Structure formats: C-alpha cells, structure tokens
Amino acid sequence: MVTRMREKGQVTIPANIRESLHLNRDSILSVTKVGDGILLTPKPSVFEAVSDKFSKAAKVKGISLDDLLTDLKKVRHNKV
C-alpha cells in the first residue's frame, strides 16, 4: 500500500489496517526508525488500562461517580 505524507508529517493509515489493529482516532503509536524505514506499532494506553481496572473495582465496591465527586469536594475543602 502507498500513502502520501501531508503537511506537518501526517500520514493516513489505510482503514483495513486500522480496523484489524483496533486503532481509533486517539490511539497512541510508537514510531521507530529501522534502517531506511519507519516502523509504526500500536502502544496501549496506560491510562485506559488503569481506568478500566479502577472502574471495575469501584463497581464491585458499589462506588458511584457521584460518591467520588462528593468525596473529592470534601477532600478539597479540608485541604484549603
């Protein structure tokens, strides 16, 4: 496959490749120079993994977003 580099170094990864690798607009890619070429590899987001673990743990404990926001307000109030 062939793609063209655009302004600011942007390139389009063909849709069938993006889909097969489950890449989306916010996917993070690792860019490596290999000889005279470039290697792009998907890099899993640490934030997404941690966020998923936190969400699952909160759900098991019965902690809602409202609970977290209420506690956050209390902590901020006590620290000011």
PDB file of N, CA and C in Angstrom:
ATOM      1  N   MET A   1       0.837  -1.179   0.000  1.00  0.00           N
ATOM      2  CA  MET A   1       0.000   0.000   0.000  1.00  0.00           C
ATOM      3  C   MET A   1       0.878   1.237   0.000  1.00  0.00           C
ATOM      4  N   VAL A   2       0.321   2.292  -0.543  1.00  0.00           N
ATOM      5  CA  VAL A   2       1.053   3.556  -0.634  1.00  0.00           C
ATOM      6  C   VAL A   2       0.179   4.646  -0.034  1.00  0.00           C
ATOM      7  N   THR A   3       0.808   5.551   0.707  1.00  0.00           N
ATOM      8  CA  THR A   3       0.097   6.700   1.261  1.00  0.00           C
ATOM      9  C   THR A   3       0.967   7.930   1.079  1.00  0.00           C
ATOM     10  N   ARG A   4       0.404   9.081   1.184  1.00  0.00           N
ATOM     11  CA  ARG A   4       1.147  10.325   0.974  1.00  0.00           C
ATOM     12  C   ARG A   4       1.310  11.052   2.305  1.00  0.00           C
ATOM     13  N   MET A   5       2.501  11.623   2.521  1.00  0.00           N
ATOM     14  CA  MET A   5       2.713  12.436   3.708  1.00  0.00           C
ATOM     15  C   MET A   5       2.123  13.817   3.450  1.00  0.00           C
ATOM     16  N   ARG A   6       1.391  14.296   4.416  1.00  0.00           N
ATOM     17  CA  ARG A   6       0.739  15.598   4.316  1.00  0.00           C
ATOM     18  C   ARG A   6       1.520  16.627   5.139  1.00  0.00           C
ATOM     19  N   GLU A   7       0.968  17.817   5.165  1.00  0.00           N
ATOM     20  CA  GLU A   7       1.546  18.906   5.941  1.00  0.00           C
ATOM     21  C   GLU A   7       1.748  18.447   7.384  1.00  0.00           C
ATOM     22  N   LYS A   8       2.795  18.866   8.015  1.00  0.00           N
ATOM     23  CA  LYS A   8       3.116  18.534   9.404  1.00  0.00           C
ATOM     24  C   LYS A   8       3.420  17.049   9.602  1.00  0.00           C
ATOM     25  N   GLY A   9       3.759  16.329   8.552  1.00  0.00           N
ATOM     26  CA  GLY A   9       4.172  14.937   8.675  1.00  0.00           C
ATOM     27  C   GLY A   9       3.045  13.941   8.864  1.00  0.00           C
ATOM     28  N   GLN A  10       1.813  14.334   8.619  1.00  0.00           N
ATOM     29  CA  GLN A  10       0.674  13.442   8.819  1.00  0.00           C
ATOM     30  C   GLN A  10       0.560  12.447   7.676  1.00  0.00           C
ATOM     31  N   VAL A  11       0.285  11.186   8.046  1.00  0.00           N
ATOM     32  CA  VAL A  11       0.036  10.141   7.056  1.00  0.00           C
ATOM     33  C   VAL A  11      -1.267   9.430   7.410  1.00  0.00           C
ATOM     34  N   THR A  12      -1.901   8.865   6.418  1.00  0.00           N
ATOM     35  CA  THR A  12      -3.137   8.126   6.638  1.00  0.00           C
ATOM     36  C   THR A  12      -2.817   6.638   6.642  1.00  0.00           C
ATOM     37  N   ILE A  13      -3.233   5.962   7.705  1.00  0.00           N
ATOM     38  CA  ILE A  13      -3.108   4.511   7.764  1.00  0.00           C
ATOM     39  C   ILE A  13      -4.389   3.956   7.155  1.00  0.00           C
ATOM     40  N   PRO A  14      -4.276   3.097   6.152  1.00  0.00           N
ATOM     41  CA  PRO A  14      -5.480   2.580   5.494  1.00  0.00           C
ATOM     42  C   PRO A  14      -6.476   1.974   6.485  1.00  0.00           C
ATOM     43  N   ALA A  15      -7.763   2.161   6.190  1.00  0.00           N
ATOM     44  CA  ALA A  15      -8.851   1.746   7.080  1.00  0.00           C
ATOM     45  C   ALA A  15      -8.782   0.271   7.448  1.00  0.00           C
ATOM     46  N   ASN A  16      -8.486  -0.607   6.492  1.00  0.00           N
ATOM     47  CA  ASN A  16      -8.463  -2.038   6.808  1.00  0.00           C
ATOM     48  C   ASN A  16      -7.366  -2.385   7.813  1.00  0.00           C
ATOM     49  N   ILE A  17      -6.261  -1.663   7.785  1.00  0.00           N
ATOM     50  CA  ILE A  17      -5.181  -1.887   8.760  1.00  0.00           C
ATOM     51  C   ILE A  17      -5.597  -1.335  10.118  1.00  0.00           C
ATOM     52  N   ARG A  18      -6.165  -0.117  10.142  1.00  0.00           N
ATOM     53  CA  ARG A  18      -6.638   0.460  11.408  1.00  0.00           C
ATOM     54  C   ARG A  18      -7.653  -0.456  12.078  1.00  0.00           C
ATOM     55  N   GLU A  19      -8.592  -0.957  11.297  1.00  0.00           N
ATOM     56  CA  GLU A  19      -9.636  -1.838  11.844  1.00  0.00           C
ATOM     57  C   GLU A  19      -9.058  -3.140  12.375  1.00  0.00           C
ATOM     58  N   SER A  20      -8.139  -3.745  11.639  1.00  0.00           N
ATOM     59  CA  SER A  20      -7.573  -5.029  12.066  1.00  0.00           C
ATOM     60  C   SER A  20      -6.745  -4.894  13.345  1.00  0.00           C
ATOM     61  N   LEU A  21      -6.188  -3.702  13.583  1.00  0.00           N
ATOM     62  CA  LEU A  21      -5.379  -3.457  14.790  1.00  0.00           C
ATOM     63  C   LEU A  21      -6.177  -2.738  15.884  1.00  0.00           C
ATOM     64  N   HIS A  22      -7.465  -2.506  15.627  1.00  0.00           N
ATOM     65  CA  HIS A  22      -8.351  -1.824  16.585  1.00  0.00           C
ATOM     66  C   HIS A  22      -7.829  -0.439  16.949  1.00  0.00           C
ATOM     67  N   LEU A  23      -7.359   0.290  15.939  1.00  0.00           N
ATOM     68  CA  LEU A  23      -6.866   1.650  16.148  1.00  0.00           C
ATOM     69  C   LEU A  23      -8.019   2.626  15.941  1.00  0.00           C
ATOM     70  N   ASN A  24      -8.004   3.700  16.732  1.00  0.00           N
ATOM     71  CA  ASN A  24      -9.000   4.745  16.549  1.00  0.00           C
ATOM     72  C   ASN A  24      -8.306   6.097  16.584  1.00  0.00           C
ATOM     73  N   ARG A  25      -9.077   7.140  16.572  1.00  0.00           N
ATOM     74  CA  ARG A  25      -8.539   8.498  16.494  1.00  0.00           C
ATOM     75  C   ARG A  25      -7.545   8.807  17.620  1.00  0.00           C
ATOM     76  N   ASP A  26      -7.772   8.283  18.806  1.00  0.00           N
ATOM     77  CA  ASP A  26      -6.922   8.598  19.949  1.00  0.00           C
ATOM     78  C   ASP A  26      -5.862   7.539  20.243  1.00  0.00           C
ATOM     79  N   SER A  27      -5.703   6.572  19.353  1.00  0.00           N
ATOM     80  CA  SER A  27      -4.698   5.534  19.566  1.00  0.00           C
ATOM     81  C   SER A  27      -3.301   6.148  19.589  1.00  0.00           C
ATOM     82  N   ILE A  28      -2.466   5.586  20.434  1.00  0.00           N
ATOM     83  CA  ILE A  28      -1.079   6.039  20.527  1.00  0.00           C
ATOM     84  C   ILE A  28      -0.210   5.035  19.790  1.00  0.00           C
ATOM     85  N   LEU A  29       0.670   5.559  18.941  1.00  0.00           N
ATOM     86  CA  LEU A  29       1.559   4.710  18.159  1.00  0.00           C
ATOM     87  C   LEU A  29       3.003   4.991  18.540  1.00  0.00           C
ATOM     88  N   SER A  30       3.800   3.947  18.563  1.00  0.00           N
ATOM     89  CA  SER A  30       5.237   4.085  18.761  1.00  0.00           C
ATOM     90  C   SER A  30       5.872   4.190  17.372  1.00  0.00           C
ATOM     91  N   VAL A  31       6.754   5.172  17.183  1.00  0.00           N
ATOM     92  CA  VAL A  31       7.407   5.392  15.891  1.00  0.00           C
ATOM     93  C   VAL A  31       8.895   5.100  16.050  1.00  0.00           C
ATOM     94  N   THR A  32       9.405   4.185  15.214  1.00  0.00           N
ATOM     95  CA  THR A  32      10.809   3.789  15.307  1.00  0.00           C
ATOM     96  C   THR A  32      11.441   3.810  13.925  1.00  0.00           C
ATOM     97  N   LYS A  33      12.650   4.360  13.838  1.00  0.00           N
ATOM     98  CA  LYS A  33      13.403   4.324  12.579  1.00  0.00           C
ATOM     99  C   LYS A  33      14.112   2.982  12.524  1.00  0.00           C
ATOM    100  N   VAL A  34      13.890   2.243  11.447  1.00  0.00           N
ATOM    101  CA  VAL A  34      14.533   0.949  11.258  1.00  0.00           C
ATOM    102  C   VAL A  34      15.250   0.993   9.911  1.00  0.00           C
ATOM    103  N   GLY A  35      16.571   1.132   9.951  1.00  0.00           N
ATOM    104  CA  GLY A  35      17.335   1.275   8.714  1.00  0.00           C
ATOM    105  C   GLY A  35      16.857   2.489   7.955  1.00  0.00           C
ATOM    106  N   ASP A  36      16.418   2.262   6.716  1.00  0.00           N
ATOM    107  CA  ASP A  36      15.897   3.352   5.885  1.00  0.00           C
ATOM    108  C   ASP A  36      14.379   3.435   5.947  1.00  0.00           C
ATOM    109  N   GLY A  37      13.767   2.743   6.917  1.00  0.00           N
ATOM    110  CA  GLY A  37      12.315   2.718   7.006  1.00  0.00           C
ATOM    111  C   GLY A  37      11.798   3.199   8.344  1.00  0.00           C
ATOM    112  N   ILE A  38      10.489   3.203   8.457  1.00  0.00           N
ATOM    113  CA  ILE A  38       9.803   3.633   9.676  1.00  0.00           C
ATOM    114  C   ILE A  38       8.877   2.504  10.106  1.00  0.00           C
ATOM    115  N   LEU A  39       8.905   2.177  11.389  1.00  0.00           N
ATOM    116  CA  LEU A  39       8.029   1.144  11.938  1.00  0.00           C
ATOM    117  C   LEU A  39       7.051   1.808  12.894  1.00  0.00           C
ATOM    118  N   LEU A  40       5.754   1.646  12.623  1.00  0.00           N
ATOM    119  CA  LEU A  40       4.699   2.149  13.499  1.00  0.00           C
ATOM    120  C   LEU A  40       4.084   0.955  14.206  1.00  0.00           C
ATOM    121  N   THR A  41       4.019   1.014  15.530  1.00  0.00           N
ATOM    122  CA  THR A  41       3.391  -0.073  16.278  1.00  0.00           C
ATOM    123  C   THR A  41       2.419   0.519  17.289  1.00  0.00           C
ATOM    124  N   PRO A  42       1.273  -0.151  17.484  1.00  0.00           N
ATOM    125  CA  PRO A  42       0.322   0.342  18.478  1.00  0.00           C
ATOM    126  C   PRO A  42       0.920   0.261  19.866  1.00  0.00           C
ATOM    127  N   LYS A  43       0.710   1.294  20.643  1.00  0.00           N
ATOM    128  CA  LYS A  43       1.179   1.295  22.024  1.00  0.00           C
ATOM    129  C   LYS A  43      -0.047   1.435  22.906  1.00  0.00           C
ATOM    130  N   PRO A  44      -0.348   0.416  23.706  1.00  0.00           N
ATOM    131  CA  PRO A  44      -1.533   0.512  24.557  1.00  0.00           C
ATOM    132  C   PRO A  44      -1.424   1.691  25.524  1.00  0.00           C
ATOM    133  N   SER A  45      -2.522   2.362  25.724  1.00  0.00           N
ATOM    134  CA  SER A  45      -2.569   3.491  26.629  1.00  0.00           C
ATOM    135  C   SER A  45      -2.593   3.003  28.072  1.00  0.00           C
ATOM    136  N   VAL A  46      -1.662   3.459  28.874  1.00  0.00           N
ATOM    137  CA  VAL A  46      -1.620   3.098  30.288  1.00  0.00           C
ATOM    138  C   VAL A  46      -2.863   3.648  30.986  1.00  0.00           C
ATOM    139  N   PHE A  47      -3.289   4.833  30.599  1.00  0.00           N
ATOM    140  CA  PHE A  47      -4.459   5.445  31.216  1.00  0.00           C
ATOM    141  C   PHE A  47      -5.682   4.563  31.044  1.00  0.00           C
ATOM    142  N   GLU A  48      -5.897   4.052  29.831  1.00  0.00           N
ATOM    143  CA  GLU A  48      -7.067   3.214  29.582  1.00  0.00           C
ATOM    144  C   GLU A  48      -7.046   1.958  30.449  1.00  0.00           C
ATOM    145  N   ALA A  49      -5.898   1.327  30.571  1.00  0.00           N
ATOM    146  CA  ALA A  49      -5.794   0.108  31.370  1.00  0.00           C
ATOM    147  C   ALA A  49      -6.080   0.395  32.841  1.00  0.00           C
ATOM    148  N   VAL A  50      -5.499   1.465  33.372  1.00  0.00           N
ATOM    149  CA  VAL A  50      -5.702   1.822  34.776  1.00  0.00           C
ATOM    150  C   VAL A  50      -7.153   2.250  35.003  1.00  0.00           C
ATOM    151  N   SER A  51      -7.687   3.011  34.069  1.00  0.00           N
ATOM    152  CA  SER A  51      -9.075   3.469  34.177  1.00  0.00           C
ATOM    153  C   SER A  51     -10.044   2.285  34.196  1.00  0.00           C
ATOM    154  N   ASP A  52      -9.809   1.302  33.343  1.00  0.00           N
ATOM    155  CA  ASP A  52     -10.663   0.107  33.321  1.00  0.00           C
ATOM    156  C   ASP A  52     -10.599  -0.645  34.641  1.00  0.00           C
ATOM    157  N   LYS A  53      -9.397  -0.811  35.189  1.00  0.00           N
ATOM    158  CA  LYS A  53      -9.243  -1.513  36.471  1.00  0.00           C
ATOM    159  C   LYS A  53      -9.957  -0.753  37.584  1.00  0.00           C
ATOM    160  N   PHE A  54      -9.790   0.559  37.602  1.00  0.00           N
ATOM    161  CA  PHE A  54     -10.417   1.379  38.628  1.00  0.00           C
ATOM    162  C   PHE A  54     -11.941   1.299  38.532  1.00  0.00           C
ATOM    163  N   SER A  55     -12.456   1.396  37.305  1.00  0.00           N
ATOM    164  CA  SER A  55     -13.907   1.336  37.103  1.00  0.00           C
ATOM    165  C   SER A  55     -14.486   0.010  37.577  1.00  0.00           C
ATOM    166  N   LYS A  56     -13.812  -1.082  37.251  1.00  0.00           N
ATOM    167  CA  LYS A  56     -14.280  -2.405  37.674  1.00  0.00           C
ATOM    168  C   LYS A  56     -14.248  -2.537  39.198  1.00  0.00           C
ATOM    169  N   ALA A  57     -13.170  -2.062  39.822  1.00  0.00           N
ATOM    170  CA  ALA A  57     -13.048  -2.139  41.281  1.00  0.00           C
ATOM    171  C   ALA A  57     -14.118  -1.287  41.958  1.00  0.00           C
ATOM    172  N   ALA A  58     -14.366  -0.102  41.437  1.00  0.00           N
ATOM    173  CA  ALA A  58     -15.393   0.783  42.006  1.00  0.00           C
ATOM    174  C   ALA A  58     -16.769   0.134  41.892  1.00  0.00           C
ATOM    175  N   LYS A  59     -17.029  -0.483  40.763  1.00  0.00           N
ATOM    176  CA  LYS A  59     -18.327  -1.126  40.556  1.00  0.00           C
ATOM    177  C   LYS A  59     -18.526  -2.272  41.556  1.00  0.00           C
ATOM    178  N   VAL A  60     -17.491  -3.072  41.764  1.00  0.00           N
ATOM    179  CA  VAL A  60     -17.558  -4.190  42.718  1.00  0.00           C
ATOM    180  C   VAL A  60     -17.825  -3.663  44.128  1.00  0.00           C
ATOM    181  N   LYS A  61     -17.223  -2.530  44.472  1.00  0.00           N
ATOM    182  CA  LYS A  61     -17.376  -1.943  45.811  1.00  0.00           C
ATOM    183  C   LYS A  61     -18.641  -1.102  45.942  1.00  0.00           C
ATOM    184  N   GLY A  62     -19.366  -0.914  44.840  1.00  0.00           N
ATOM    185  CA  GLY A  62     -20.590  -0.120  44.885  1.00  0.00           C
ATOM    186  C   GLY A  62     -20.341   1.373  44.972  1.00  0.00           C
ATOM    187  N   ILE A  63     -19.210   1.819  44.448  1.00  0.00           N
ATOM    188  CA  ILE A  63     -18.862   3.242  44.491  1.00  0.00           C
ATOM    189  C   ILE A  63     -19.282   3.885  43.173  1.00  0.00           C
ATOM    190  N   SER A  64     -20.093   4.934  43.271  1.00  0.00           N
ATOM    191  CA  SER A  64     -20.573   5.623  42.068  1.00  0.00           C
ATOM    192  C   SER A  64     -19.719   6.862  41.780  1.00  0.00           C
ATOM    193  N   LEU A  65     -19.911   7.408  40.594  1.00  0.00           N
ATOM    194  CA  LEU A  65     -19.225   8.650  40.239  1.00  0.00           C
ATOM    195  C   LEU A  65     -19.639   9.772  41.178  1.00  0.00           C
ATOM    196  N   ASP A  66     -20.923   9.811  41.529  1.00  0.00           N
ATOM    197  CA  ASP A  66     -21.396  10.835  42.469  1.00  0.00           C
ATOM    198  C   ASP A  66     -20.694  10.711  43.822  1.00  0.00           C
ATOM    199  N   ASP A  67     -20.493   9.464  44.292  1.00  0.00           N
ATOM    200  CA  ASP A  67     -19.766   9.244  45.543  1.00  0.00           C
ATOM    201  C   ASP A  67     -18.348   9.823  45.455  1.00  0.00           C
ATOM    202  N   LEU A  68     -17.683   9.545  44.344  1.00  0.00           N
ATOM    203  CA  LEU A  68     -16.310  10.028  44.162  1.00  0.00           C
ATOM    204  C   LEU A  68     -16.258  11.550  44.123  1.00  0.00           C
ATOM    205  N   LEU A  69     -17.201  12.162  43.412  1.00  0.00           N
ATOM    206  CA  LEU A  69     -17.209  13.629  43.318  1.00  0.00           C
ATOM    207  C   LEU A  69     -17.514  14.282  44.664  1.00  0.00           C
ATOM    208  N   THR A  70     -18.410  13.679  45.428  1.00  0.00           N
ATOM    209  CA  THR A  70     -18.731  14.193  46.768  1.00  0.00           C
ATOM    210  C   THR A  70     -17.498  14.124  47.665  1.00  0.00           C
ATOM    211  N   ASP A  71     -16.821  12.979  47.655  1.00  0.00           N
ATOM    212  CA  ASP A  71     -15.612  12.827  48.466  1.00  0.00           C
ATOM    213  C   ASP A  71     -14.511  13.781  48.020  1.00  0.00           C
ATOM    214  N   LEU A  72     -14.393  13.995  46.711  1.00  0.00           N
ATOM    215  CA  LEU A  72     -13.386  14.918  46.197  1.00  0.00           C
ATOM    216  C   LEU A  72     -13.630  16.339  46.731  1.00  0.00           C
ATOM    217  N   LYS A  73     -14.884  16.757  46.731  1.00  0.00           N
ATOM    218  CA  LYS A  73     -15.219  18.083  47.258  1.00  0.00           C
ATOM    219  C   LYS A  73     -14.847  18.181  48.737  1.00  0.00           C
ATOM    220  N   LYS A  74     -15.109  17.127  49.500  1.00  0.00           N
ATOM    221  CA  LYS A  74     -14.776  17.115  50.938  1.00  0.00           C
ATOM    222  C   LYS A  74     -13.263  17.226  51.133  1.00  0.00           C
ATOM    223  N   VAL A  75     -12.513  16.460  50.350  1.00  0.00           N
ATOM    224  CA  VAL A  75     -11.044  16.469  50.489  1.00  0.00           C
ATOM    225  C   VAL A  75     -10.504  17.843  50.119  1.00  0.00           C
ATOM    226  N   ARG A  76     -10.988  18.418  49.031  1.00  0.00           N
ATOM    227  CA  ARG A  76     -10.526  19.749  48.621  1.00  0.00           C
ATOM    228  C   ARG A  76     -10.865  20.790  49.679  1.00  0.00           C
ATOM    229  N   HIS A  77     -12.041  20.684  50.258  1.00  0.00           N
ATOM    230  CA  HIS A  77     -12.464  21.638  51.287  1.00  0.00           C
ATOM    231  C   HIS A  77     -11.563  21.559  52.518  1.00  0.00           C
ATOM    232  N   ASN A  78     -11.183  20.370  52.918  1.00  0.00           N
ATOM    233  CA  ASN A  78     -10.339  20.179  54.098  1.00  0.00           C
ATOM    234  C   ASN A  78      -8.895  20.600  53.865  1.00  0.00           C
ATOM    235  N   LYS A  79      -8.440  20.593  52.631  1.00  0.00           N
ATOM    236  CA  LYS A  79      -7.044  20.924  52.333  1.00  0.00           C
ATOM    237  C   LYS A  79      -6.843  22.407  52.095  1.00  0.00           C
ATOM    238  N   VAL A  80      -7.916  23.136  51.867  1.00  0.00           N
ATOM    239  CA  VAL A  80      -7.778  24.564  51.572  1.00  0.00           C
ATOM    240  C   VAL A  80      -7.664  25.362  52.831  1.00  0.00           C
TER     241      VAL A  80
END
